[in-house]
N, C-alpha and C. Protein backbone atom coordinates (compact mmCIF):
# COMPACT_ATOMS: atom_id res chain seq x y z
N MET A 1 -4.14 15.54 -42.55
CA MET A 1 -4.20 16.23 -41.27
C MET A 1 -5.45 15.79 -40.50
N LYS A 2 -6.56 15.64 -41.24
CA LYS A 2 -7.80 15.23 -40.61
C LYS A 2 -7.66 13.82 -40.02
N ARG A 3 -6.96 12.94 -40.74
CA ARG A 3 -6.72 11.59 -40.24
C ARG A 3 -5.87 11.60 -38.97
N LEU A 4 -4.87 12.45 -38.94
CA LEU A 4 -3.99 12.55 -37.77
C LEU A 4 -4.78 13.01 -36.55
N LEU A 5 -5.63 14.01 -36.72
CA LEU A 5 -6.45 14.49 -35.61
C LEU A 5 -7.42 13.41 -35.14
N SER A 6 -8.00 12.69 -36.08
CA SER A 6 -8.91 11.60 -35.71
C SER A 6 -8.18 10.51 -34.94
N ALA A 7 -6.98 10.16 -35.39
CA ALA A 7 -6.19 9.14 -34.70
C ALA A 7 -5.84 9.59 -33.29
N CYS A 8 -5.45 10.85 -33.14
CA CYS A 8 -5.11 11.38 -31.82
C CYS A 8 -6.33 11.37 -30.90
N ALA A 9 -7.47 11.73 -31.43
CA ALA A 9 -8.70 11.74 -30.64
C ALA A 9 -9.06 10.33 -30.19
N LEU A 10 -8.91 9.36 -31.09
CA LEU A 10 -9.21 7.98 -30.76
C LEU A 10 -8.27 7.46 -29.67
N LEU A 11 -6.98 7.74 -29.80
CA LEU A 11 -6.01 7.31 -28.79
C LEU A 11 -6.29 7.93 -27.43
N SER A 12 -6.67 9.19 -27.42
CA SER A 12 -7.00 9.87 -26.16
C SER A 12 -8.22 9.23 -25.51
N LEU A 13 -9.21 8.89 -26.32
CA LEU A 13 -10.41 8.26 -25.81
C LEU A 13 -10.08 6.88 -25.22
N LEU A 14 -9.30 6.10 -25.94
CA LEU A 14 -8.92 4.77 -25.46
C LEU A 14 -8.10 4.84 -24.19
N ALA A 15 -7.20 5.79 -24.11
CA ALA A 15 -6.38 5.95 -22.91
C ALA A 15 -7.24 6.30 -21.70
N GLY A 16 -8.27 7.10 -21.91
CA GLY A 16 -9.17 7.48 -20.83
C GLY A 16 -10.02 6.33 -20.34
N CYS A 17 -10.28 5.35 -21.19
CA CYS A 17 -11.10 4.19 -20.83
C CYS A 17 -10.30 3.08 -20.18
N ALA A 18 -8.99 3.13 -20.30
CA ALA A 18 -8.15 2.05 -19.79
C ALA A 18 -8.20 2.01 -18.26
N SER A 19 -8.02 0.82 -17.72
CA SER A 19 -7.96 0.66 -16.27
C SER A 19 -6.62 1.20 -15.77
N HIS A 20 -6.67 2.01 -14.75
CA HIS A 20 -5.45 2.60 -14.19
C HIS A 20 -5.24 2.04 -12.80
N ASP A 21 -4.46 0.97 -12.71
CA ASP A 21 -4.15 0.40 -11.41
C ASP A 21 -3.33 1.40 -10.61
N ILE A 22 -3.53 1.37 -9.31
CA ILE A 22 -2.76 2.24 -8.43
C ILE A 22 -1.82 1.38 -7.60
N ASP A 23 -0.83 2.00 -7.03
CA ASP A 23 0.12 1.30 -6.17
C ASP A 23 -0.59 0.98 -4.86
N PRO A 24 -0.74 -0.30 -4.53
CA PRO A 24 -1.49 -0.64 -3.33
C PRO A 24 -0.76 -0.36 -2.01
N ARG A 25 0.57 -0.17 -2.09
CA ARG A 25 1.33 0.04 -0.84
C ARG A 25 0.82 1.28 -0.11
N GLY A 26 0.43 1.09 1.13
CA GLY A 26 -0.03 2.20 1.95
C GLY A 26 -1.46 2.64 1.67
N TYR A 27 -2.18 1.89 0.83
CA TYR A 27 -3.56 2.26 0.51
C TYR A 27 -4.40 2.19 1.78
N ASP A 28 -5.12 3.26 2.08
CA ASP A 28 -5.95 3.36 3.28
C ASP A 28 -7.05 4.38 2.99
N GLU A 29 -8.23 3.88 2.68
CA GLU A 29 -9.35 4.76 2.31
C GLU A 29 -10.60 4.37 3.09
N THR A 30 -11.47 5.34 3.26
CA THR A 30 -12.76 5.13 3.92
C THR A 30 -13.86 5.47 2.93
N GLY A 31 -14.91 4.64 2.92
CA GLY A 31 -16.02 4.90 2.01
C GLY A 31 -17.10 3.85 2.16
N GLY A 32 -17.98 3.81 1.18
CA GLY A 32 -19.11 2.90 1.21
C GLY A 32 -18.76 1.54 0.63
N ALA A 33 -19.38 0.51 1.22
CA ALA A 33 -19.22 -0.85 0.72
C ALA A 33 -20.61 -1.43 0.48
N SER A 34 -20.68 -2.31 -0.49
CA SER A 34 -21.88 -3.08 -0.75
C SER A 34 -21.43 -4.50 -1.05
N PHE A 35 -22.40 -5.40 -1.29
CA PHE A 35 -21.99 -6.76 -1.64
C PHE A 35 -22.81 -7.27 -2.80
N TYR A 36 -22.24 -8.23 -3.49
CA TYR A 36 -22.95 -8.87 -4.60
C TYR A 36 -22.86 -10.36 -4.41
N GLY A 37 -23.88 -11.06 -4.84
CA GLY A 37 -23.93 -12.48 -4.51
C GLY A 37 -24.56 -13.36 -5.56
N ALA A 38 -25.70 -13.95 -5.23
CA ALA A 38 -26.28 -15.07 -5.95
C ALA A 38 -26.41 -14.87 -7.46
N LYS A 39 -26.87 -13.73 -7.92
CA LYS A 39 -27.09 -13.58 -9.36
C LYS A 39 -25.78 -13.51 -10.15
N HIS A 40 -24.67 -13.28 -9.47
CA HIS A 40 -23.36 -13.22 -10.13
C HIS A 40 -22.59 -14.53 -10.00
N GLN A 41 -23.11 -15.46 -9.22
CA GLN A 41 -22.40 -16.72 -8.94
C GLN A 41 -21.99 -17.41 -10.25
N GLY A 42 -20.70 -17.72 -10.35
CA GLY A 42 -20.17 -18.44 -11.51
C GLY A 42 -19.82 -17.58 -12.71
N LYS A 43 -20.27 -16.33 -12.74
CA LYS A 43 -19.95 -15.45 -13.86
C LYS A 43 -18.49 -15.03 -13.77
N ARG A 44 -17.90 -14.74 -14.90
CA ARG A 44 -16.49 -14.33 -14.95
C ARG A 44 -16.31 -12.94 -14.33
N THR A 45 -15.30 -12.83 -13.50
CA THR A 45 -14.91 -11.54 -12.96
C THR A 45 -13.98 -10.86 -13.96
N ALA A 46 -13.65 -9.62 -13.71
CA ALA A 46 -12.73 -8.88 -14.61
C ALA A 46 -11.35 -9.53 -14.65
N SER A 47 -10.98 -10.27 -13.61
CA SER A 47 -9.68 -10.94 -13.60
C SER A 47 -9.71 -12.25 -14.39
N GLY A 48 -10.91 -12.69 -14.76
CA GLY A 48 -11.05 -13.91 -15.54
C GLY A 48 -11.48 -15.13 -14.74
N GLU A 49 -11.42 -15.03 -13.42
CA GLU A 49 -11.84 -16.18 -12.62
C GLU A 49 -13.35 -16.12 -12.38
N PRO A 50 -13.98 -17.26 -12.15
CA PRO A 50 -15.42 -17.25 -11.87
C PRO A 50 -15.69 -16.63 -10.50
N PHE A 51 -16.77 -15.88 -10.41
CA PHE A 51 -17.16 -15.28 -9.14
C PHE A 51 -17.71 -16.37 -8.22
N ASN A 52 -17.27 -16.35 -6.97
CA ASN A 52 -17.75 -17.29 -5.96
C ASN A 52 -18.21 -16.48 -4.77
N GLN A 53 -19.51 -16.44 -4.55
CA GLN A 53 -20.06 -15.63 -3.46
C GLN A 53 -19.64 -16.14 -2.08
N HIS A 54 -19.11 -17.36 -2.02
CA HIS A 54 -18.69 -17.95 -0.75
C HIS A 54 -17.20 -17.73 -0.47
N ALA A 55 -16.48 -17.13 -1.41
CA ALA A 55 -15.05 -16.83 -1.23
C ALA A 55 -14.90 -15.43 -0.65
N LEU A 56 -13.76 -15.16 -0.08
CA LEU A 56 -13.49 -13.83 0.49
C LEU A 56 -12.79 -12.98 -0.57
N THR A 57 -13.60 -12.41 -1.46
CA THR A 57 -13.08 -11.61 -2.57
C THR A 57 -13.85 -10.29 -2.64
N ALA A 58 -13.35 -9.39 -3.51
CA ALA A 58 -13.98 -8.09 -3.64
C ALA A 58 -13.66 -7.45 -4.99
N ALA A 59 -14.46 -6.46 -5.32
CA ALA A 59 -14.24 -5.66 -6.52
C ALA A 59 -13.81 -4.26 -6.10
N HIS A 60 -12.80 -3.74 -6.78
CA HIS A 60 -12.31 -2.38 -6.54
C HIS A 60 -11.98 -1.77 -7.89
N ARG A 61 -12.18 -0.48 -8.03
CA ARG A 61 -11.97 0.17 -9.32
C ARG A 61 -10.51 0.18 -9.77
N GLN A 62 -9.58 0.33 -8.83
CA GLN A 62 -8.19 0.57 -9.24
C GLN A 62 -7.13 -0.33 -8.62
N LEU A 63 -7.38 -0.94 -7.50
CA LEU A 63 -6.35 -1.78 -6.90
C LEU A 63 -6.05 -2.97 -7.81
N PRO A 64 -4.80 -3.35 -7.94
CA PRO A 64 -4.43 -4.47 -8.81
C PRO A 64 -5.07 -5.79 -8.36
N PHE A 65 -5.40 -6.64 -9.32
CA PHE A 65 -5.91 -7.96 -9.00
C PHE A 65 -4.90 -8.69 -8.12
N GLY A 66 -5.41 -9.41 -7.15
CA GLY A 66 -4.54 -10.15 -6.23
C GLY A 66 -4.19 -9.39 -4.97
N THR A 67 -4.44 -8.08 -4.95
CA THR A 67 -4.16 -7.29 -3.76
C THR A 67 -5.05 -7.76 -2.61
N ARG A 68 -4.43 -7.99 -1.47
CA ARG A 68 -5.19 -8.35 -0.27
C ARG A 68 -5.41 -7.10 0.56
N VAL A 69 -6.67 -6.91 0.98
CA VAL A 69 -7.00 -5.73 1.79
C VAL A 69 -7.79 -6.15 3.02
N LYS A 70 -7.59 -5.41 4.09
CA LYS A 70 -8.39 -5.58 5.30
C LYS A 70 -9.52 -4.57 5.23
N VAL A 71 -10.74 -5.07 5.38
CA VAL A 71 -11.92 -4.20 5.36
C VAL A 71 -12.51 -4.20 6.76
N THR A 72 -12.73 -3.00 7.30
CA THR A 72 -13.30 -2.84 8.63
C THR A 72 -14.64 -2.14 8.53
N ASN A 73 -15.69 -2.74 9.08
CA ASN A 73 -17.01 -2.12 9.15
C ASN A 73 -16.94 -1.09 10.28
N LEU A 74 -17.08 0.17 9.94
CA LEU A 74 -16.91 1.24 10.93
C LEU A 74 -18.09 1.34 11.90
N ASN A 75 -19.18 0.62 11.61
CA ASN A 75 -20.33 0.64 12.52
C ASN A 75 -20.20 -0.36 13.65
N ASN A 76 -19.43 -1.45 13.42
CA ASN A 76 -19.34 -2.48 14.46
C ASN A 76 -17.91 -3.00 14.70
N ASP A 77 -16.93 -2.45 13.99
CA ASP A 77 -15.51 -2.80 14.12
C ASP A 77 -15.18 -4.24 13.70
N LYS A 78 -16.08 -4.92 13.01
CA LYS A 78 -15.76 -6.26 12.49
C LYS A 78 -14.87 -6.10 11.27
N THR A 79 -13.94 -7.06 11.09
CA THR A 79 -13.01 -6.98 9.96
C THR A 79 -12.99 -8.28 9.19
N VAL A 80 -12.52 -8.17 7.94
CA VAL A 80 -12.33 -9.33 7.07
C VAL A 80 -11.20 -9.00 6.10
N VAL A 81 -10.45 -10.01 5.72
CA VAL A 81 -9.40 -9.84 4.71
C VAL A 81 -9.92 -10.46 3.41
N VAL A 82 -9.88 -9.67 2.33
CA VAL A 82 -10.36 -10.13 1.03
C VAL A 82 -9.28 -9.91 -0.02
N ARG A 83 -9.45 -10.61 -1.14
CA ARG A 83 -8.54 -10.47 -2.28
C ARG A 83 -9.30 -9.81 -3.42
N ILE A 84 -8.69 -8.80 -4.03
CA ILE A 84 -9.31 -8.10 -5.15
C ILE A 84 -9.22 -8.97 -6.40
N ASN A 85 -10.39 -9.28 -6.99
CA ASN A 85 -10.40 -10.10 -8.20
C ASN A 85 -11.39 -9.59 -9.25
N ASP A 86 -11.96 -8.41 -9.01
CA ASP A 86 -12.95 -7.88 -9.94
C ASP A 86 -12.90 -6.36 -9.94
N ARG A 87 -13.56 -5.75 -10.91
CA ARG A 87 -13.65 -4.30 -11.01
C ARG A 87 -15.04 -3.85 -10.59
N GLY A 88 -15.10 -2.74 -9.94
CA GLY A 88 -16.34 -2.18 -9.45
C GLY A 88 -16.00 -1.42 -8.19
N PRO A 89 -16.93 -0.95 -7.46
CA PRO A 89 -18.36 -1.01 -7.70
C PRO A 89 -18.77 -0.05 -8.81
N HIS A 90 -19.94 -0.31 -9.35
CA HIS A 90 -20.44 0.50 -10.45
C HIS A 90 -21.52 1.47 -9.98
N VAL A 91 -21.50 1.78 -8.71
CA VAL A 91 -22.43 2.73 -8.11
C VAL A 91 -21.61 3.89 -7.55
N ARG A 92 -21.98 5.09 -7.92
CA ARG A 92 -21.26 6.28 -7.46
C ARG A 92 -21.26 6.34 -5.93
N GLY A 93 -20.11 6.69 -5.38
CA GLY A 93 -19.99 6.86 -3.94
C GLY A 93 -19.59 5.60 -3.20
N ARG A 94 -19.47 4.49 -3.89
CA ARG A 94 -19.06 3.25 -3.24
C ARG A 94 -17.58 3.01 -3.49
N LEU A 95 -16.91 2.48 -2.50
CA LEU A 95 -15.47 2.24 -2.57
C LEU A 95 -15.16 0.80 -2.96
N ILE A 96 -15.96 -0.14 -2.48
CA ILE A 96 -15.65 -1.56 -2.67
C ILE A 96 -16.95 -2.36 -2.71
N ASP A 97 -16.95 -3.41 -3.53
CA ASP A 97 -18.04 -4.40 -3.57
C ASP A 97 -17.48 -5.70 -3.03
N LEU A 98 -18.13 -6.27 -2.05
CA LEU A 98 -17.65 -7.48 -1.39
C LEU A 98 -18.47 -8.70 -1.79
N SER A 99 -17.86 -9.86 -1.69
CA SER A 99 -18.60 -11.10 -1.86
C SER A 99 -19.58 -11.23 -0.69
N ARG A 100 -20.57 -12.09 -0.87
CA ARG A 100 -21.55 -12.30 0.20
C ARG A 100 -20.88 -12.82 1.47
N ALA A 101 -19.91 -13.72 1.33
CA ALA A 101 -19.21 -14.27 2.50
C ALA A 101 -18.49 -13.17 3.28
N ALA A 102 -17.85 -12.25 2.56
CA ALA A 102 -17.14 -11.15 3.23
C ALA A 102 -18.14 -10.22 3.92
N ALA A 103 -19.25 -9.93 3.25
CA ALA A 103 -20.28 -9.06 3.84
C ALA A 103 -20.87 -9.69 5.10
N GLU A 104 -21.01 -11.02 5.07
CA GLU A 104 -21.54 -11.72 6.24
C GLU A 104 -20.58 -11.57 7.42
N GLN A 105 -19.28 -11.73 7.18
CA GLN A 105 -18.30 -11.59 8.26
C GLN A 105 -18.29 -10.17 8.82
N LEU A 106 -18.63 -9.20 7.98
CA LEU A 106 -18.66 -7.80 8.44
C LEU A 106 -19.99 -7.44 9.09
N GLY A 107 -20.95 -8.34 9.06
CA GLY A 107 -22.25 -8.06 9.68
C GLY A 107 -23.06 -7.04 8.92
N MET A 108 -22.97 -7.05 7.58
CA MET A 108 -23.68 -6.04 6.80
C MET A 108 -24.72 -6.63 5.84
N LEU A 109 -25.06 -7.89 6.02
CA LEU A 109 -26.05 -8.51 5.11
C LEU A 109 -27.42 -7.86 5.23
N ARG A 110 -27.83 -7.56 6.42
CA ARG A 110 -29.17 -6.98 6.63
C ARG A 110 -29.33 -5.64 5.94
N ASN A 111 -28.36 -4.74 6.12
CA ASN A 111 -28.45 -3.40 5.52
C ASN A 111 -28.04 -3.39 4.06
N GLY A 112 -27.15 -4.29 3.67
CA GLY A 112 -26.69 -4.34 2.28
C GLY A 112 -25.52 -3.42 1.99
N THR A 113 -25.35 -2.41 2.81
CA THR A 113 -24.23 -1.48 2.65
C THR A 113 -23.67 -1.14 4.03
N ALA A 114 -22.46 -0.62 4.03
CA ALA A 114 -21.84 -0.17 5.28
C ALA A 114 -20.74 0.82 4.96
N ARG A 115 -20.42 1.64 5.93
CA ARG A 115 -19.27 2.53 5.83
C ARG A 115 -18.07 1.73 6.32
N VAL A 116 -17.01 1.68 5.48
CA VAL A 116 -15.86 0.83 5.79
C VAL A 116 -14.55 1.57 5.62
N ARG A 117 -13.52 0.97 6.19
CA ARG A 117 -12.15 1.39 5.97
C ARG A 117 -11.46 0.25 5.23
N VAL A 118 -10.76 0.57 4.15
CA VAL A 118 -10.06 -0.43 3.33
C VAL A 118 -8.56 -0.13 3.41
N GLN A 119 -7.80 -1.13 3.89
CA GLN A 119 -6.35 -0.98 4.04
C GLN A 119 -5.64 -2.12 3.32
N SER A 120 -4.66 -1.78 2.51
CA SER A 120 -3.90 -2.82 1.82
C SER A 120 -2.99 -3.53 2.80
N LEU A 121 -2.76 -4.81 2.51
CA LEU A 121 -1.85 -5.62 3.33
C LEU A 121 -0.66 -5.97 2.51
N SER A 122 0.52 -6.00 3.14
CA SER A 122 1.72 -6.43 2.41
C SER A 122 1.73 -7.95 2.37
N ASP A 123 2.29 -8.50 1.30
CA ASP A 123 2.32 -9.97 1.15
C ASP A 123 3.38 -10.61 1.98
């Protein structure tokens, strides 16, 4: 009985740690964005591809890898389309982490963060 309870506890813990992708159709959220760049260049992303700070990519906690989203900087209305290829952000209150190239197109390099709207695009 003790083994059964231990096994159930372990399975519950593992299930809680698993990545839970969400259905990207109709995804439309507002929140904080940040960017990551030089120190991550070439390192493996959660999707397995090397990170390229010059590509238009982003990290999101739940959207499936390959999802294309339009990100709008709500301070200046600049937009960029990025592809989700990593998991993050790892800072509470942030919705998305962008590559340096995407952050540059949004005009947020100076501040490092911005309030954004993230909308999924259909393929």
